[in-house]
């Protein structure tokens, strides 16, 4: 009886995993493209318009309260990214995908996060960037161009994020005539 439960569990897990991996995970914005404009309501009630961040280097991060890789990545962000680039023309813009205000509030309290967080409860913003997979990171230069698009959380991709931010901060905004 115990073995049968294990078999059923394994088959069920395989079926669910297969469905998840069968979904095509596509990045809709690629490096070199202009970042889609959007407005995001922040956890504190403020609203940020992407176009208003021109002139700054932006790390746009999509995450969710239930995502283990996201939780691990966000735990490092304060010291390894926010503190490191404090005082520079840099904005960290994490946007929670499909989480309610209440879930984000409980998550922030449990994890001790105090940095600003955006909310995308209906996945409208995320849908402009990708079809699946979080965490997802996009580095946007001062002119609103995507410099980097990455997914997942591992040491190599995290270090690449830091290097790409450093490189973007050293590159001045182009001198375009409006």
Protein backbone atom coordinates (compact mmCIF):
# COMPACT_ATOMS: atom_id res chain seq x y z
CA UNK A 1 0.00 0.00 0.00
CA UNK A 2 2.87 2.37 0.88
CA UNK A 3 4.67 1.54 -2.38
CA UNK A 4 1.52 2.25 -4.37
CA UNK A 5 1.26 5.71 -2.78
CA UNK A 6 4.87 6.39 -3.76
CA UNK A 7 4.21 5.30 -7.34
CA UNK A 8 1.11 7.50 -7.55
CA UNK A 9 3.03 10.44 -6.09
CA UNK A 10 5.91 10.00 -8.53
CA UNK A 11 3.55 9.71 -11.51
CA UNK A 12 1.57 12.74 -10.38
CA UNK A 13 4.74 14.77 -9.86
CA UNK A 14 6.07 13.74 -13.26
CA UNK A 15 2.79 14.70 -14.94
CA UNK A 16 2.69 18.10 -13.25
CA UNK A 17 6.39 18.74 -13.94
CA UNK A 18 5.93 17.70 -17.54
CA UNK A 19 3.09 20.17 -17.96
CA UNK A 20 5.17 22.92 -16.43
CA UNK A 21 8.19 22.26 -18.61
CA UNK A 22 6.05 21.77 -21.69
CA UNK A 23 4.93 25.40 -21.46
CA UNK A 24 7.07 27.47 -23.75
CA UNK A 25 8.97 29.99 -21.65
CA UNK A 26 9.70 32.89 -23.91
CA UNK A 27 11.39 36.20 -23.28
CA UNK A 28 9.40 38.78 -25.23
CA UNK A 29 11.85 41.66 -24.91
CA UNK A 30 15.42 41.11 -26.02
CA UNK A 31 18.64 43.03 -25.52
CA UNK A 32 18.77 46.14 -27.68
CA UNK A 33 15.00 46.66 -27.59
CA UNK A 34 13.38 49.64 -25.89
CA UNK A 35 11.78 48.69 -22.59
CA UNK A 36 7.96 48.60 -22.77
CA UNK A 37 6.40 51.50 -20.89
CA UNK A 38 4.23 50.56 -17.95
CA UNK A 39 2.92 51.96 -14.71
CA UNK A 40 3.34 49.96 -11.53
CA UNK A 41 1.71 50.49 -8.18
CA UNK A 42 4.27 50.14 -5.44
CA UNK A 43 3.70 48.42 -2.10
CA UNK A 44 3.74 51.81 -0.34
CA UNK A 45 0.94 53.14 -2.58
CA UNK A 46 3.11 55.26 -4.90
CA UNK A 47 2.99 54.75 -8.64
CA UNK A 48 6.05 54.53 -10.88
CA UNK A 49 5.98 55.03 -14.63
CA UNK A 50 8.83 53.26 -16.44
CA UNK A 51 9.41 56.21 -18.76
CA UNK A 52 10.04 58.43 -15.70
CA UNK A 53 13.13 56.34 -14.87
CA UNK A 54 15.00 57.45 -18.02
CA UNK A 55 18.42 58.78 -17.10
CA UNK A 56 18.89 55.97 -14.56
CA UNK A 57 20.11 52.41 -14.88
CA UNK A 58 17.25 50.12 -13.81
CA UNK A 59 17.33 46.52 -12.63
CA UNK A 60 13.80 45.28 -13.27
CA UNK A 61 13.19 42.06 -11.33
CA UNK A 62 10.09 39.87 -11.56
CA UNK A 63 9.53 37.59 -8.58
CA UNK A 64 6.80 35.95 -6.46
CA UNK A 65 6.37 35.19 -2.77
CA UNK A 66 6.11 31.43 -3.41
CA UNK A 67 9.23 31.15 -5.62
CA UNK A 68 12.28 29.64 -3.80
CA UNK A 69 14.79 31.04 -6.32
CA UNK A 70 13.19 34.50 -5.99
CA UNK A 71 13.37 34.35 -2.20
CA UNK A 72 17.07 33.40 -2.35
CA UNK A 73 17.80 36.18 -4.86
CA UNK A 74 15.91 38.87 -2.93
CA UNK A 75 17.78 37.92 0.26
CA UNK A 76 21.04 39.04 -1.42
CA UNK A 77 19.76 42.14 -3.17
CA UNK A 78 19.96 44.59 -0.26
CA UNK A 79 23.67 44.14 0.43
CA UNK A 80 24.95 42.93 -2.94
CA UNK A 81 23.05 45.34 -5.19
CA UNK A 82 21.08 48.11 -3.43
CA UNK A 83 23.81 49.04 -0.93
CA UNK A 84 26.56 48.56 -3.53
CA UNK A 85 25.02 51.05 -5.99
CA UNK A 86 23.59 53.50 -3.44
CA UNK A 87 24.16 57.12 -4.46
CA UNK A 88 24.48 56.21 -8.16
CA UNK A 89 21.92 56.73 -10.93
CA UNK A 90 20.51 53.28 -10.22
CA UNK A 91 17.04 51.95 -9.40
CA UNK A 92 16.17 48.44 -8.25
CA UNK A 93 12.56 47.80 -9.31
CA UNK A 94 11.32 44.43 -8.09
CA UNK A 95 7.78 43.58 -9.23
CA UNK A 96 5.85 40.78 -7.60
CA UNK A 97 4.01 38.66 -10.15
CA UNK A 98 0.48 37.60 -9.22
CA UNK A 99 0.76 38.21 -5.48
CA UNK A 100 -1.82 40.15 -3.49
CA UNK A 101 -0.96 43.11 -1.29
CA UNK A 102 -1.59 40.90 1.77
CA UNK A 103 0.82 38.18 0.58
CA UNK A 104 3.52 40.75 -0.17
CA UNK A 105 2.98 42.40 3.22
CA UNK A 106 3.36 39.07 5.05
CA UNK A 107 6.40 38.22 2.91
CA UNK A 108 8.08 41.57 3.67
CA UNK A 109 7.44 41.18 7.40
CA UNK A 110 8.72 37.60 7.49
CA UNK A 111 11.84 38.33 5.41
CA UNK A 112 12.59 41.82 6.77
CA UNK A 113 12.63 43.48 3.33
CA UNK A 114 12.22 47.25 3.45
CA UNK A 115 13.15 48.19 -0.13
CA UNK A 116 10.37 49.34 -2.49
CA UNK A 117 8.41 46.61 -4.26
CA UNK A 118 5.99 46.87 -7.15
CA UNK A 119 2.85 44.78 -7.52
CA UNK A 120 1.57 43.07 -10.66
CA UNK A 121 -1.38 41.08 -9.28
CA UNK A 122 -2.90 40.39 -12.71
CA UNK A 123 0.41 39.69 -14.49
CA UNK A 124 -0.24 42.54 -16.96
CA UNK A 125 3.27 44.02 -16.66
CA UNK A 126 5.01 40.63 -16.69
CA UNK A 127 3.08 39.63 -19.84
CA UNK A 128 4.90 42.41 -21.73
CA UNK A 129 8.27 40.86 -20.86
CA UNK A 130 7.91 37.07 -20.78
CA UNK A 131 5.52 34.14 -20.87
CA UNK A 132 6.94 32.08 -17.96
CA UNK A 133 9.81 31.59 -15.48
CA UNK A 134 10.83 33.72 -12.51
CA UNK A 135 12.96 35.20 -11.19
CA UNK A 136 13.55 37.23 -14.32
CA UNK A 137 15.87 40.20 -14.51
CA UNK A 138 16.21 42.97 -17.05
CA UNK A 139 18.85 45.68 -16.93
CA UNK A 140 17.71 48.85 -18.66
CA UNK A 141 20.17 51.60 -19.59
CA UNK A 142 19.68 55.34 -19.12
CA UNK A 143 18.12 55.61 -22.59
CA UNK A 144 15.51 52.91 -21.90
CA UNK A 145 17.23 50.13 -23.85
CA UNK A 146 17.38 46.56 -22.58
CA UNK A 147 21.04 45.71 -21.91
CA UNK A 148 20.52 42.34 -20.27
CA UNK A 149 17.71 39.80 -20.00
CA UNK A 150 18.18 36.80 -17.72
CA UNK A 151 16.20 34.20 -15.84
CA UNK A 152 16.73 32.03 -12.80
CA UNK A 153 18.97 32.48 -9.79
CA UNK A 154 22.43 31.03 -9.64
CA UNK A 155 25.77 32.52 -8.67
CA UNK A 156 26.93 33.03 -12.26
CA UNK A 157 23.81 34.93 -13.33
CA UNK A 158 23.85 37.02 -10.12
CA UNK A 159 27.47 38.04 -10.69
CA UNK A 160 26.63 38.84 -14.33
CA UNK A 161 23.85 41.15 -13.09
CA UNK A 162 26.33 43.05 -10.93
CA UNK A 163 28.87 43.34 -13.76
CA UNK A 164 26.22 44.53 -16.23
CA UNK A 165 24.96 47.17 -13.78
CA UNK A 166 28.53 48.39 -13.20
CA UNK A 167 29.14 48.57 -16.94
CA UNK A 168 25.86 50.43 -17.55
CA UNK A 169 26.64 52.95 -14.81
CA UNK A 170 29.99 53.74 -16.45
CA UNK A 171 28.32 54.39 -19.82
CA UNK A 172 26.76 57.86 -20.08
CA UNK A 173 23.32 58.36 -21.60
CA UNK A 174 23.44 59.03 -25.31
CA UNK A 175 23.24 62.64 -26.38
CA UNK A 176 20.06 62.37 -28.42
CA UNK A 177 18.28 65.47 -29.61
CA UNK A 178 14.63 65.21 -28.74
